[in-house]
N, C-alpha and C. Protein backbone atom coordinates (compact mmCIF):
# COMPACT_ATOMS: atom_id res chain seq x y z
N MET A 1 0.70 -1.04 -0.10
CA MET A 1 -0.24 0.17 0.17
C MET A 1 0.74 1.42 -0.10
N LYS A 2 0.63 1.88 -1.16
CA LYS A 2 1.70 3.71 -0.69
C LYS A 2 1.27 4.23 0.00
N LYS A 3 2.37 5.13 0.44
CA LYS A 3 2.39 5.92 1.80
C LYS A 3 1.27 7.26 0.91
N ILE A 4 0.77 7.79 2.14
CA ILE A 4 0.06 9.29 1.58
C ILE A 4 0.59 10.32 2.37
N THR A 5 0.38 11.56 1.85
CA THR A 5 0.10 12.40 2.99
C THR A 5 -1.42 12.70 3.10
N ILE A 6 -1.46 13.08 4.62
CA ILE A 6 -2.95 13.29 4.68
C ILE A 6 -3.30 14.81 5.74
N ALA A 7 -3.94 15.71 5.02
CA ALA A 7 -3.75 17.03 5.29
C ALA A 7 -5.21 17.24 6.35
N ILE A 8 -6.07 17.87 7.10
CA ILE A 8 -6.80 17.56 8.17
C ILE A 8 -6.89 19.33 8.43
N ASP A 9 -7.22 20.02 8.05
CA ASP A 9 -7.88 21.42 8.25
C ASP A 9 -9.24 21.75 8.91
N GLY A 10 -9.08 22.33 9.53
CA GLY A 10 -10.28 23.55 10.22
C GLY A 10 -10.58 24.00 10.97
N HIS A 11 -11.72 24.17 11.87
CA HIS A 11 -11.97 25.44 12.51
C HIS A 11 -11.57 24.80 13.94
N SER A 12 -11.20 25.97 14.64
CA SER A 12 -10.68 25.77 16.35
C SER A 12 -11.66 24.45 16.89
N SER A 13 -11.41 23.82 17.76
CA SER A 13 -12.18 22.80 18.55
C SER A 13 -13.04 22.16 17.94
N CYS A 14 -12.73 21.52 16.25
CA CYS A 14 -14.05 20.92 15.56
C CYS A 14 -13.27 19.11 15.54
N GLY A 15 -12.47 18.83 16.96
CA GLY A 15 -11.92 17.64 17.15
C GLY A 15 -11.12 17.04 15.99
N LYS A 16 -10.36 18.21 15.43
CA LYS A 16 -9.00 17.60 14.34
C LYS A 16 -8.34 16.69 14.63
N SER A 17 -7.67 16.89 15.99
CA SER A 17 -6.52 16.68 16.35
C SER A 17 -6.72 15.42 17.03
N THR A 18 -7.99 14.92 17.65
CA THR A 18 -8.58 13.69 18.18
C THR A 18 -8.91 13.07 16.87
N MET A 19 -9.20 13.40 16.00
CA MET A 19 -9.46 12.71 14.49
C MET A 19 -8.28 11.99 13.87
N ALA A 20 -7.28 13.06 14.07
CA ALA A 20 -5.91 12.69 13.32
C ALA A 20 -5.26 12.14 14.15
N LYS A 21 -5.21 11.79 15.15
CA LYS A 21 -4.45 11.22 16.29
C LYS A 21 -4.68 9.73 16.01
N ASP A 22 -6.54 9.73 15.70
CA ASP A 22 -6.65 8.15 15.73
C ASP A 22 -6.64 7.21 14.49
N LEU A 23 -6.49 8.44 13.45
CA LEU A 23 -6.20 7.84 12.29
C LEU A 23 -4.76 7.53 11.89
N ALA A 24 -4.04 8.31 12.35
CA ALA A 24 -2.52 7.69 12.72
C ALA A 24 -1.89 6.65 13.20
N ARG A 25 -2.53 6.48 14.51
CA ARG A 25 -2.92 5.37 15.36
C ARG A 25 -2.99 4.21 14.58
N GLU A 26 -4.11 4.29 13.83
CA GLU A 26 -4.83 2.93 13.29
C GLU A 26 -3.68 2.71 11.84
N VAL A 27 -3.68 3.58 11.25
CA VAL A 27 -2.81 2.96 9.94
C VAL A 27 -1.38 3.19 10.10
N GLY A 28 -0.75 3.41 11.35
CA GLY A 28 0.38 3.45 11.17
C GLY A 28 1.40 4.61 10.83
N TYR A 29 0.50 6.08 10.95
CA TYR A 29 1.65 7.26 10.20
C TYR A 29 1.73 7.95 11.08
N VAL A 30 2.75 8.90 11.06
CA VAL A 30 3.18 9.95 12.36
C VAL A 30 2.17 11.00 12.05
N TYR A 31 1.99 11.32 13.49
CA TYR A 31 0.98 12.49 13.61
C TYR A 31 1.75 13.76 13.94
N VAL A 32 1.19 15.00 13.27
CA VAL A 32 1.98 15.87 13.97
C VAL A 32 0.56 16.75 14.00
N ASP A 33 0.70 17.54 15.47
CA ASP A 33 -0.25 18.50 15.69
C ASP A 33 0.66 19.79 15.73
N THR A 34 0.30 20.53 14.52
CA THR A 34 0.85 21.96 14.11
C THR A 34 0.29 23.10 14.84
N GLY A 35 -0.89 22.65 15.31
CA GLY A 35 -1.65 23.57 16.26
C GLY A 35 -0.34 23.94 17.43
N ALA A 36 -0.38 23.01 17.81
CA ALA A 36 0.56 22.69 19.15
C ALA A 36 1.44 23.51 19.27
N MET A 37 2.14 23.58 18.01
CA MET A 37 3.75 24.10 17.92
C MET A 37 3.10 25.79 17.67
N TYR A 38 2.03 26.32 17.21
CA TYR A 38 1.72 27.65 17.16
C TYR A 38 1.42 28.16 19.06
N ARG A 39 0.65 27.20 19.51
CA ARG A 39 0.61 27.70 20.79
C ARG A 39 1.77 27.18 21.52
N CYS A 40 3.19 26.43 21.31
CA CYS A 40 4.05 26.44 21.90
C CYS A 40 5.17 27.87 22.20
N VAL A 41 4.37 28.72 20.70
CA VAL A 41 5.32 29.86 20.34
C VAL A 41 4.35 30.70 21.47
N THR A 42 3.16 30.71 21.31
CA THR A 42 2.26 31.53 22.33
C THR A 42 2.82 31.52 23.77
N LEU A 43 3.01 30.60 24.12
CA LEU A 43 3.47 29.96 25.73
C LEU A 43 4.44 30.80 25.56
N TYR A 44 5.38 30.71 24.78
CA TYR A 44 7.13 31.04 24.73
C TYR A 44 6.77 32.57 25.17
N ALA A 45 5.92 33.41 24.22
CA ALA A 45 5.56 34.59 24.32
C ALA A 45 5.25 35.23 25.51
N LEU A 46 4.24 34.41 26.08
CA LEU A 46 3.75 34.94 27.52
C LEU A 46 4.66 34.60 28.66
N ARG A 47 5.29 33.64 28.57
CA ARG A 47 5.99 33.32 29.80
C ARG A 47 7.64 34.71 29.75
N HIS A 48 7.47 35.04 28.39
CA HIS A 48 8.71 35.82 28.28
C HIS A 48 8.09 37.41 28.11
N GLY A 49 6.84 37.75 28.27
CA GLY A 49 6.67 38.96 28.63
C GLY A 49 6.09 39.82 26.99
N MET A 50 5.99 39.07 26.10
CA MET A 50 5.71 39.56 24.82
C MET A 50 4.53 40.44 24.45
N PHE A 51 3.60 40.09 25.34
CA PHE A 51 2.28 40.50 24.79
C PHE A 51 2.14 41.53 25.53
N LEU A 52 2.45 42.76 24.77
CA LEU A 52 2.27 44.59 25.59
C LEU A 52 1.16 45.04 25.43
N ALA A 53 0.81 45.73 25.95
CA ALA A 53 -0.81 46.73 26.24
C ALA A 53 -0.70 46.90 25.04
N ASP A 54 -0.15 47.25 23.75
CA ASP A 54 -0.54 47.78 22.52
C ASP A 54 -0.14 46.25 21.59
N GLY A 55 0.22 45.53 21.95
CA GLY A 55 0.21 44.34 20.61
C GLY A 55 1.62 43.12 21.34
N ILE A 56 1.97 42.91 20.10
CA ILE A 56 2.92 41.76 20.86
C ILE A 56 4.57 42.24 20.33
N ASP A 57 5.11 42.47 21.19
CA ASP A 57 6.63 42.66 20.63
C ASP A 57 7.33 41.67 19.71
N GLN A 58 7.21 42.38 18.25
CA GLN A 58 7.73 41.36 17.38
C GLN A 58 8.77 41.01 17.14
N GLU A 59 9.73 42.36 17.49
CA GLU A 59 11.06 42.38 16.96
C GLU A 59 11.64 41.32 18.40
N ALA A 60 11.26 41.23 19.91
CA ALA A 60 11.54 40.25 20.52
C ALA A 60 11.70 38.71 20.51
N LEU A 61 10.17 38.42 19.47
CA LEU A 61 10.11 37.29 18.93
C LEU A 61 10.76 36.77 18.26
N ARG A 62 11.25 37.58 17.19
CA ARG A 62 11.55 37.60 16.00
C ARG A 62 13.04 37.00 16.23
N ARG A 63 13.73 37.83 17.43
CA ARG A 63 15.00 37.27 17.66
C ARG A 63 14.95 36.33 18.59
N GLN A 64 13.96 35.78 19.36
CA GLN A 64 14.58 34.98 20.17
C GLN A 64 13.63 33.35 19.58
N LEU A 65 13.17 33.90 18.06
CA LEU A 65 12.63 32.68 17.46
C LEU A 65 13.50 31.15 17.43
N GLY A 66 14.61 31.45 17.52
CA GLY A 66 15.40 30.23 17.22
C GLY A 66 15.73 29.61 18.54
N ASP A 67 15.50 30.45 19.13
CA ASP A 67 15.44 29.61 20.65
C ASP A 67 14.06 28.39 21.38
N ILE A 68 13.59 28.70 20.34
CA ILE A 68 11.96 27.83 20.50
C ILE A 68 12.39 26.65 20.03
N HIS A 69 12.51 25.63 20.82
CA HIS A 69 12.47 24.40 19.98
C HIS A 69 11.77 23.35 20.21
N ILE A 70 10.63 22.96 19.48
CA ILE A 70 9.41 22.40 19.71
C ILE A 70 9.25 20.70 19.09
N SER A 71 9.15 19.78 20.06
CA SER A 71 9.33 18.23 19.78
C SER A 71 8.00 17.54 20.10
N PHE A 72 8.02 16.58 19.61
CA PHE A 72 6.73 15.63 20.00
C PHE A 72 7.22 14.13 20.26
N ARG A 73 6.87 13.72 21.49
CA ARG A 73 7.42 12.60 21.73
C ARG A 73 5.77 11.50 22.20
N PHE A 74 6.18 10.22 21.82
CA PHE A 74 5.16 9.30 21.86
C PHE A 74 4.89 8.74 23.42
N ASN A 75 3.59 9.25 23.61
CA ASN A 75 3.14 9.01 24.94
C ASN A 75 2.72 7.38 24.81
N THR A 76 3.16 6.52 25.35
CA THR A 76 2.98 4.97 25.37
C THR A 76 1.49 4.46 25.98
N GLU A 77 1.24 5.52 27.35
CA GLU A 77 0.06 5.13 28.03
C GLU A 77 -0.54 5.82 27.78
N ALA A 78 -0.71 7.27 26.65
CA ALA A 78 -1.90 7.60 26.67
C ALA A 78 -2.32 7.05 24.63
N GLY A 79 -0.91 6.66 24.39
CA GLY A 79 -1.24 6.16 22.99
C GLY A 79 -1.16 7.15 21.81
N CYS A 80 -0.44 8.54 22.24
CA CYS A 80 -0.29 9.56 21.29
C CYS A 80 1.00 10.24 21.81
N PRO A 81 1.31 11.16 20.95
CA PRO A 81 2.52 12.24 21.09
C PRO A 81 2.20 13.24 21.66
N ASP A 82 3.12 13.44 22.74
CA ASP A 82 2.90 15.05 23.89
C ASP A 82 3.84 15.81 23.24
N THR A 83 3.78 16.83 23.62
CA THR A 83 4.19 18.25 22.77
C THR A 83 5.08 18.61 24.15
N TYR A 84 6.64 18.94 23.50
CA TYR A 84 7.63 19.70 24.43
C TYR A 84 7.77 20.91 24.10
N LEU A 85 8.26 21.66 24.90
CA LEU A 85 9.10 23.00 24.44
C LEU A 85 10.33 23.17 24.79
N ASN A 86 11.19 23.28 24.78
CA ASN A 86 12.55 23.69 25.05
C ASN A 86 12.84 22.48 26.15
N GLY A 87 12.22 20.79 25.35
CA GLY A 87 12.92 20.06 26.54
C GLY A 87 11.59 19.63 28.02
N GLU A 88 10.60 20.79 28.07
CA GLU A 88 9.94 20.62 29.01
C GLU A 88 8.39 20.16 28.32
N LEU A 89 7.98 19.14 29.13
CA LEU A 89 6.26 18.94 28.65
C LEU A 89 5.66 19.92 29.10
N VAL A 90 4.44 20.43 27.96
CA VAL A 90 4.03 21.54 27.70
C VAL A 90 2.50 20.88 27.35
N GLU A 91 2.17 19.94 27.48
CA GLU A 91 1.09 19.44 26.73
C GLU A 91 -0.24 20.02 27.76
N ASN A 92 -0.28 20.10 28.57
CA ASN A 92 -1.82 20.64 29.22
C ASN A 92 -1.52 21.95 29.04
N ASP A 93 0.28 23.06 29.80
CA ASP A 93 0.32 24.25 29.64
C ASP A 93 -0.61 25.22 28.49
N ILE A 94 -0.19 24.38 27.07
CA ILE A 94 -0.55 25.21 25.79
C ILE A 94 -2.27 25.03 25.60
N ARG A 95 -2.55 24.28 26.71
CA ARG A 95 -4.31 24.05 26.23
C ARG A 95 -5.37 24.58 27.16
N THR A 96 -4.63 25.48 27.27
CA THR A 96 -5.47 26.40 28.95
C THR A 96 -6.00 27.52 27.88
N MET A 97 -6.92 28.40 28.52
CA MET A 97 -8.24 29.41 28.21
C MET A 97 -7.16 30.63 27.48
N GLU A 98 -6.10 30.42 28.88
CA GLU A 98 -4.89 31.88 28.33
C GLU A 98 -4.05 32.06 27.15
N VAL A 99 -3.39 30.58 27.06
CA VAL A 99 -3.08 30.26 25.55
C VAL A 99 -3.85 30.35 24.28
N SER A 100 -5.12 29.68 24.33
CA SER A 100 -6.04 30.02 23.63
C SER A 100 -6.98 31.08 23.17
N SER A 101 -6.46 32.23 24.08
CA SER A 101 -7.09 33.55 23.95
C SER A 101 -5.88 34.52 23.15
N HIS A 102 -4.68 34.05 23.17
CA HIS A 102 -3.30 34.38 22.59
C HIS A 102 -3.02 33.90 21.24
N VAL A 103 -3.10 32.76 20.67
CA VAL A 103 -2.69 31.92 20.16
C VAL A 103 -2.97 32.50 18.28
N SER A 104 -4.26 33.19 18.46
CA SER A 104 -4.50 33.78 16.91
C SER A 104 -3.53 35.12 16.31
N PRO A 105 -3.49 36.06 17.23
CA PRO A 105 -2.79 37.11 17.01
C PRO A 105 -1.12 36.32 16.87
N ILE A 106 -0.39 35.52 17.51
CA ILE A 106 0.89 34.72 17.29
C ILE A 106 0.99 34.35 15.72
N ALA A 107 -0.23 33.44 15.22
CA ALA A 107 -0.59 32.72 14.22
C ALA A 107 -0.55 33.72 12.82
N THR A 108 -0.98 34.74 13.36
CA THR A 108 -0.90 35.79 11.83
C THR A 108 0.24 36.08 11.79
N LEU A 109 1.47 35.81 12.39
CA LEU A 109 2.72 36.89 12.11
C LEU A 109 3.48 36.19 11.03
N GLY A 110 3.64 36.84 9.90
CA GLY A 110 4.63 35.98 8.82
C GLY A 110 5.71 35.07 9.05
N PHE A 111 6.64 35.69 9.97
CA PHE A 111 7.52 35.11 10.33
C PHE A 111 7.60 33.65 11.12
N VAL A 112 6.64 33.58 11.90
CA VAL A 112 6.31 32.65 12.93
C VAL A 112 5.77 31.36 11.81
N ARG A 113 5.00 32.01 10.64
CA ARG A 113 4.49 30.81 9.90
C ARG A 113 5.39 30.33 9.35
N GLU A 114 6.27 31.26 8.57
CA GLU A 114 7.44 30.55 7.84
C GLU A 114 7.88 29.76 8.26
N ALA A 115 8.85 29.74 9.91
CA ALA A 115 9.61 29.22 10.30
C ALA A 115 8.84 27.99 10.76
N MET A 116 7.42 28.08 11.68
CA MET A 116 6.48 26.33 11.37
C MET A 116 6.09 26.06 10.29
N VAL A 117 6.04 26.43 9.40
CA VAL A 117 5.68 25.47 7.67
C VAL A 117 7.20 25.18 7.82
N ALA A 118 8.26 25.74 7.65
CA ALA A 118 9.30 24.69 7.31
C ALA A 118 9.90 23.80 8.12
N GLN A 119 9.40 24.09 9.44
CA GLN A 119 9.23 22.84 10.19
C GLN A 119 8.38 21.46 9.80
N GLN A 120 7.58 21.75 9.72
CA GLN A 120 6.20 20.74 9.18
C GLN A 120 6.67 19.99 7.95
N GLN A 121 7.02 21.03 7.05
CA GLN A 121 7.55 20.40 6.09
C GLN A 121 8.41 19.24 5.73
N ALA A 122 9.24 20.05 6.71
CA ALA A 122 10.78 18.85 7.00
C ALA A 122 9.86 17.48 7.59
N MET A 123 9.26 17.74 8.50
CA MET A 123 8.50 16.25 8.92
C MET A 123 7.68 15.74 8.19
N GLY A 124 7.09 16.07 7.55
CA GLY A 124 6.29 14.85 6.20
C GLY A 124 7.19 14.92 5.11
N ARG A 125 8.42 14.93 4.98
CA ARG A 125 8.99 15.23 3.60
C ARG A 125 8.74 13.49 3.11
N ASP A 126 9.27 12.72 4.37
CA ASP A 126 8.96 11.36 3.37
C ASP A 126 7.35 10.35 3.45
N LYS A 127 6.49 11.45 3.33
CA LYS A 127 5.26 10.81 3.41
C LYS A 127 4.81 9.99 4.38
N GLY A 128 3.58 9.60 4.78
CA GLY A 128 3.11 8.63 6.12
C GLY A 128 3.09 9.45 7.33
N VAL A 129 2.18 10.56 6.84
CA VAL A 129 1.96 11.55 7.74
C VAL A 129 0.85 12.03 7.71
N VAL A 130 0.01 12.12 8.94
CA VAL A 130 -1.38 13.14 9.39
C VAL A 130 -0.86 14.50 10.04
N MET A 131 -1.30 15.32 9.30
CA MET A 131 -1.20 16.82 9.68
C MET A 131 -2.34 17.36 9.99
N ASP A 132 -2.55 18.27 11.28
CA ASP A 132 -3.73 18.27 11.38
C ASP A 132 -3.42 20.54 11.65
N GLY A 133 -4.46 21.28 11.39
CA GLY A 133 -3.77 22.66 11.59
C GLY A 133 -4.91 23.61 10.55
N ARG A 134 -4.59 25.13 10.25
CA ARG A 134 -5.27 25.51 9.58
C ARG A 134 -5.23 25.94 8.00
N ASP A 135 -4.09 25.55 7.58
CA ASP A 135 -3.23 25.59 6.40
C ASP A 135 -2.50 24.40 5.51
N ILE A 136 -2.78 23.46 6.04
CA ILE A 136 -1.94 21.86 5.98
C ILE A 136 -2.44 21.55 4.47
N GLY A 137 -3.74 21.76 3.92
CA GLY A 137 -3.94 21.40 2.44
C GLY A 137 -3.57 22.60 1.35
N THR A 138 -3.48 24.03 2.21
CA THR A 138 -4.01 25.09 1.21
C THR A 138 -1.80 25.69 1.10
N VAL A 139 -1.16 25.61 2.24
CA VAL A 139 0.36 26.13 2.19
C VAL A 139 1.31 24.98 2.53
N VAL A 140 1.12 24.19 3.65
CA VAL A 140 2.31 23.36 3.96
C VAL A 140 2.23 22.49 2.86
N PHE A 141 1.43 21.13 2.64
CA PHE A 141 1.37 20.28 1.83
C PHE A 141 0.25 20.39 0.52
N PRO A 142 0.41 21.18 -0.01
CA PRO A 142 -0.71 21.70 -1.36
C PRO A 142 -0.79 20.96 -2.15
N ASP A 143 0.04 19.73 -2.08
CA ASP A 143 -0.15 18.16 -2.60
C ASP A 143 -0.50 17.16 -2.25
N ALA A 144 -0.89 17.27 -0.82
CA ALA A 144 -1.12 16.33 0.08
C ALA A 144 -2.11 15.57 -1.10
N GLU A 145 -1.66 13.76 -1.30
CA GLU A 145 -3.11 12.98 -1.59
C GLU A 145 -4.63 13.11 -1.04
N LEU A 146 -4.42 13.43 0.35
CA LEU A 146 -6.22 13.30 0.54
C LEU A 146 -5.88 14.73 1.56
N LYS A 147 -7.03 15.53 1.64
CA LYS A 147 -7.46 16.78 2.50
C LYS A 147 -8.60 16.81 2.98
N ILE A 148 -8.82 16.83 4.13
CA ILE A 148 -9.95 17.15 4.61
C ILE A 148 -10.42 18.47 5.50
N PHE A 149 -11.63 19.22 4.96
CA PHE A 149 -11.86 20.25 5.69
C PHE A 149 -12.81 20.39 6.71
N VAL A 150 -12.53 20.20 7.68
CA VAL A 150 -13.78 19.88 9.28
C VAL A 150 -14.38 21.01 10.01
N THR A 151 -15.53 21.09 10.17
CA THR A 151 -16.31 22.28 10.83
C THR A 151 -17.34 21.66 11.75
N ALA A 152 -17.92 22.30 12.21
CA ALA A 152 -19.01 22.24 13.45
C ALA A 152 -19.59 23.61 13.80
N SER A 153 -21.03 23.40 14.43
CA SER A 153 -21.38 25.16 14.41
C SER A 153 -20.48 25.27 15.86
N ALA A 154 -20.68 26.67 16.34
CA ALA A 154 -19.39 27.18 17.36
C ALA A 154 -20.41 27.12 18.31
N GLU A 155 -21.46 26.81 18.56
CA GLU A 155 -21.86 26.15 19.81
C GLU A 155 -21.51 24.67 20.27
N VAL A 156 -21.05 23.83 19.32
CA VAL A 156 -20.99 22.46 19.31
C VAL A 156 -19.47 22.41 19.57
N ARG A 157 -18.80 22.98 19.07
CA ARG A 157 -16.96 23.34 19.57
C ARG A 157 -16.93 23.99 20.56
N ALA A 158 -17.79 25.10 21.21
CA ALA A 158 -17.62 25.60 22.42
C ALA A 158 -17.66 24.77 23.49
N ARG A 159 -19.08 23.56 23.40
CA ARG A 159 -19.32 22.79 24.25
C ARG A 159 -18.38 21.66 24.59
N ARG A 160 -18.11 21.03 23.35
CA ARG A 160 -16.55 20.27 23.25
C ARG A 160 -15.32 20.95 23.88
N ARG A 161 -15.15 21.97 24.03
CA ARG A 161 -13.57 22.56 24.34
C ARG A 161 -13.92 22.41 25.88
N TYR A 162 -15.23 22.92 26.64
CA TYR A 162 -15.80 22.97 27.44
C TYR A 162 -15.52 21.86 28.43
N ASP A 163 -16.17 20.69 27.94
CA ASP A 163 -16.57 19.28 28.46
C ASP A 163 -14.65 19.12 28.51
N GLU A 164 -13.50 19.29 27.24
CA GLU A 164 -12.64 18.60 27.78
C GLU A 164 -11.78 19.69 28.70
N LEU A 165 -12.06 20.29 28.75
CA LEU A 165 -11.16 21.39 29.96
C LEU A 165 -11.87 20.78 31.51
N GLN A 166 -13.06 20.73 31.29
CA GLN A 166 -13.62 20.04 32.60
C GLN A 166 -13.27 18.57 33.39
N ALA A 167 -12.65 17.71 32.14
CA ALA A 167 -12.31 16.30 32.29
C ALA A 167 -10.96 16.56 32.52
N LYS A 168 -10.34 17.69 32.41
CA LYS A 168 -8.74 17.80 32.99
C LYS A 168 -8.99 18.42 34.36
N GLY A 169 -9.91 18.76 34.70
CA GLY A 169 -10.04 19.34 36.09
C GLY A 169 -9.49 21.08 36.04
N MET A 170 -9.46 21.63 34.60
CA MET A 170 -9.15 22.68 34.34
C MET A 170 -10.57 23.94 33.90
N PRO A 171 -10.20 25.16 34.59
CA PRO A 171 -10.96 26.14 35.33
C PRO A 171 -11.87 26.19 33.39
N ALA A 172 -13.12 26.44 33.76
CA ALA A 172 -13.68 26.58 32.18
C ALA A 172 -14.70 26.95 32.49
N ASP A 173 -15.51 28.40 31.51
CA ASP A 173 -16.79 29.06 31.15
C ASP A 173 -17.01 28.81 29.97
N TYR A 174 -18.33 27.95 29.63
CA TYR A 174 -18.85 27.95 28.67
C TYR A 174 -19.03 29.21 27.67
N ALA A 175 -19.37 30.65 28.33
CA ALA A 175 -19.64 31.49 27.50
C ALA A 175 -18.67 32.26 27.26
N ASP A 176 -17.29 32.10 27.65
CA ASP A 176 -15.77 32.67 27.36
C ASP A 176 -15.59 32.01 26.38
N ILE A 177 -15.54 30.81 26.63
CA ILE A 177 -15.06 29.37 25.41
C ILE A 177 -15.52 30.25 24.15
N LEU A 178 -17.39 30.33 24.02
CA LEU A 178 -17.80 30.07 23.01
C LEU A 178 -17.26 31.73 22.05
N LYS A 179 -17.23 32.46 23.16
CA LYS A 179 -16.47 33.96 22.60
C LYS A 179 -15.07 33.59 21.63
N ASN A 180 -14.34 33.06 22.54
CA ASN A 180 -12.90 32.59 22.02
C ASN A 180 -13.27 32.00 20.79
N VAL A 181 -13.85 31.05 20.61
CA VAL A 181 -14.40 30.35 19.37
C VAL A 181 -14.26 31.38 18.39
N GLU A 182 -15.57 32.05 18.25
CA GLU A 182 -16.13 32.69 17.53
C GLU A 182 -14.67 34.07 17.03
N GLU A 183 -14.15 34.58 17.87
CA GLU A 183 -13.03 35.62 17.76
C GLU A 183 -12.06 34.97 17.20
N ARG A 184 -11.87 33.54 17.45
CA ARG A 184 -10.52 32.75 16.50
C ARG A 184 -11.03 32.59 15.17
N ASP A 185 -12.61 32.22 15.25
CA ASP A 185 -12.83 31.75 13.46
C ASP A 185 -12.52 33.39 12.88
N TYR A 186 -12.83 34.39 13.24
CA TYR A 186 -12.53 35.38 12.49
C TYR A 186 -11.58 36.01 12.42
N ILE A 187 -10.23 35.76 13.11
CA ILE A 187 -8.78 36.06 12.79
C ILE A 187 -8.55 35.21 12.10
N ASP A 188 -8.74 33.91 12.15
CA ASP A 188 -8.23 32.54 11.22
C ASP A 188 -8.49 32.67 10.01
N SER A 189 -9.92 33.30 9.90
CA SER A 189 -9.97 33.37 8.49
C SER A 189 -10.06 34.69 7.36
N HIS A 190 -9.77 35.70 8.51
CA HIS A 190 -9.21 36.80 7.92
C HIS A 190 -7.82 37.37 7.83
N ARG A 191 -7.18 36.73 8.65
CA ARG A 191 -5.85 37.12 8.75
C ARG A 191 -4.88 37.25 7.16
N GLU A 192 -3.79 38.09 7.03
CA GLU A 192 -3.40 38.48 5.60
C GLU A 192 -2.49 36.91 5.20
N VAL A 193 -2.04 36.39 6.26
CA VAL A 193 -0.52 35.35 5.85
C VAL A 193 -1.16 34.12 6.51
N SER A 194 -2.01 33.00 5.07
CA SER A 194 -2.16 31.37 4.82
C SER A 194 -3.44 31.78 6.22
N PRO A 195 -4.55 32.33 5.41
CA PRO A 195 -5.61 32.48 6.06
C PRO A 195 -6.70 31.09 5.98
N LEU A 196 -7.29 30.54 6.88
CA LEU A 196 -8.20 29.49 7.22
C LEU A 196 -9.27 29.62 6.17
N ARG A 197 -8.77 28.53 5.17
CA ARG A 197 -10.10 28.13 3.81
C ARG A 197 -9.93 26.66 3.32
N ARG A 198 -10.75 26.60 2.78
CA ARG A 198 -11.08 25.04 2.08
C ARG A 198 -10.51 24.68 1.44
N ALA A 199 -9.19 24.16 1.03
CA ALA A 199 -8.46 23.79 -0.09
C ALA A 199 -9.80 23.44 -1.42
N ASP A 200 -9.44 23.47 -2.34
CA ASP A 200 -10.27 23.20 -3.61
C ASP A 200 -10.61 21.74 -3.60
N ASP A 201 -9.74 20.95 -3.42
CA ASP A 201 -9.90 19.92 -3.70
C ASP A 201 -10.06 18.82 -2.08
N ALA A 202 -10.30 19.76 -1.19
CA ALA A 202 -10.31 19.21 0.23
C ALA A 202 -11.64 18.59 0.24
N ILE A 203 -12.16 17.78 1.10
CA ILE A 203 -13.47 16.86 1.68
C ILE A 203 -13.92 17.50 2.27
N LEU A 204 -15.29 17.82 2.72
CA LEU A 204 -16.03 18.74 3.83
C LEU A 204 -16.62 17.62 4.52
N LEU A 205 -16.54 17.97 5.91
CA LEU A 205 -17.14 17.30 7.03
C LEU A 205 -17.26 17.81 8.11
N ASP A 206 -18.75 18.01 8.06
CA ASP A 206 -19.22 18.48 9.11
C ASP A 206 -19.59 17.54 10.21
N ASN A 207 -19.16 17.68 11.52
CA ASN A 207 -18.95 16.49 12.60
C ASN A 207 -19.84 17.20 13.58
N SER A 208 -20.71 18.02 12.96
CA SER A 208 -21.41 18.82 14.61
C SER A 208 -22.87 17.37 15.40
N ASN A 209 -23.11 16.48 14.42
CA ASN A 209 -24.09 15.43 14.76
C ASN A 209 -23.53 14.15 14.74
N MET A 210 -22.36 14.17 14.49
CA MET A 210 -21.55 13.14 14.46
C MET A 210 -20.39 12.32 15.67
N THR A 211 -20.58 11.15 16.10
CA THR A 211 -19.78 10.42 17.16
C THR A 211 -18.41 10.24 16.75
N ILE A 212 -17.49 9.90 17.85
CA ILE A 212 -15.85 10.25 17.17
C ILE A 212 -15.73 8.50 16.60
N ALA A 213 -16.56 7.64 17.33
CA ALA A 213 -16.84 6.27 16.03
C ALA A 213 -17.25 6.45 14.62
N GLU A 214 -18.08 7.53 14.50
CA GLU A 214 -18.69 7.95 13.26
C GLU A 214 -17.67 8.06 12.24
N GLN A 215 -16.99 9.18 12.83
CA GLN A 215 -15.68 10.25 12.18
C GLN A 215 -14.66 9.30 11.91
N LYS A 216 -14.26 8.57 12.41
CA LYS A 216 -13.04 7.22 12.78
C LYS A 216 -13.39 6.50 11.68
N ALA A 217 -14.59 5.77 11.45
CA ALA A 217 -15.15 4.84 10.32
C ALA A 217 -14.82 5.60 9.18
N TRP A 218 -15.65 7.04 9.03
CA TRP A 218 -15.67 7.80 7.65
C TRP A 218 -14.14 8.06 7.15
N LEU A 219 -13.31 8.50 8.14
CA LEU A 219 -11.74 9.07 7.88
C LEU A 219 -10.90 7.69 7.23
N LEU A 220 -11.51 6.76 7.73
CA LEU A 220 -11.00 5.08 7.36
C LEU A 220 -11.25 4.57 5.92
N GLN A 221 -12.58 5.15 5.51
CA GLN A 221 -13.28 4.79 4.54
C GLN A 221 -12.36 5.76 3.52
N GLN A 222 -12.38 6.81 3.49
CA GLN A 222 -11.19 7.78 2.17
C GLN A 222 -10.16 7.56 2.47
N PHE A 223 -9.12 6.87 3.65
CA PHE A 223 -7.90 6.87 3.68
C PHE A 223 -7.83 5.39 2.74
N HIS A 224 -8.85 4.28 2.60
CA HIS A 224 -9.15 3.04 2.36
C HIS A 224 -9.23 3.58 0.37
N ARG A 225 -9.90 4.51 0.09
CA ARG A 225 -10.00 4.81 -0.73
C ARG A 225 -9.08 5.31 -1.88
N VAL A 226 -8.09 6.10 -0.96
CA VAL A 226 -7.22 7.01 -1.56
C VAL A 226 -5.97 6.15 -1.88
N THR A 227 -5.75 5.25 -0.75
CA THR A 227 -4.27 4.37 -0.93
C THR A 227 -4.76 3.42 -1.82
N ALA A 228 -6.06 3.35 -2.40
CA ALA A 228 -6.17 2.11 -3.26
C ALA A 228 -6.15 2.53 -4.81
N GLU A 229 -6.26 3.67 -4.96
CA GLU A 229 -6.17 4.07 -6.30
C GLU A 229 -4.86 4.43 -6.82
């Protein structure tokens, strides 16, 4: 069976990462969470005081971007990769509402996206990879053999994010999360650099009313269809 590149794009909190992780595990591919990479840059910027009253200290971030080293290590207990920032496990730190509310402005910066895209392309050079994010099928891997664009209503996505944070014992307010989801949708879709959009050849999946099992079966069907061609 030939190896392919699988690009899963879509709106925030629509379950892209869960779907991508499950698919990668099922077919034996490498999984890369590109959103986690931007969250790592955001966490670094927060920790180093780069968010100012009038915006981001871009010069400081540009100077220190080379000091930001992001890696993924497989967690055998969880059955999926964990995210590390400069050798520190930050999987939970990057999922907080503080990081969620600051990540979109970081992701709009051209020099940040350029650095992250270069790393992502290097990770997927040998194919056999599942990558999810905002611009995988349009910018990172425009020639990916299988492209999926995932969406769901803002209310459904906010509820999923709320439940996820609650399950982890982390503070969560549904109204705040819904506002954040809607704000991120607008910023992601209207930024000048690599805006969120569905690639012309991407298959649309609205999973508002789908179970995880139904999504998994649908994705596997798409995978087997493309690899059999």
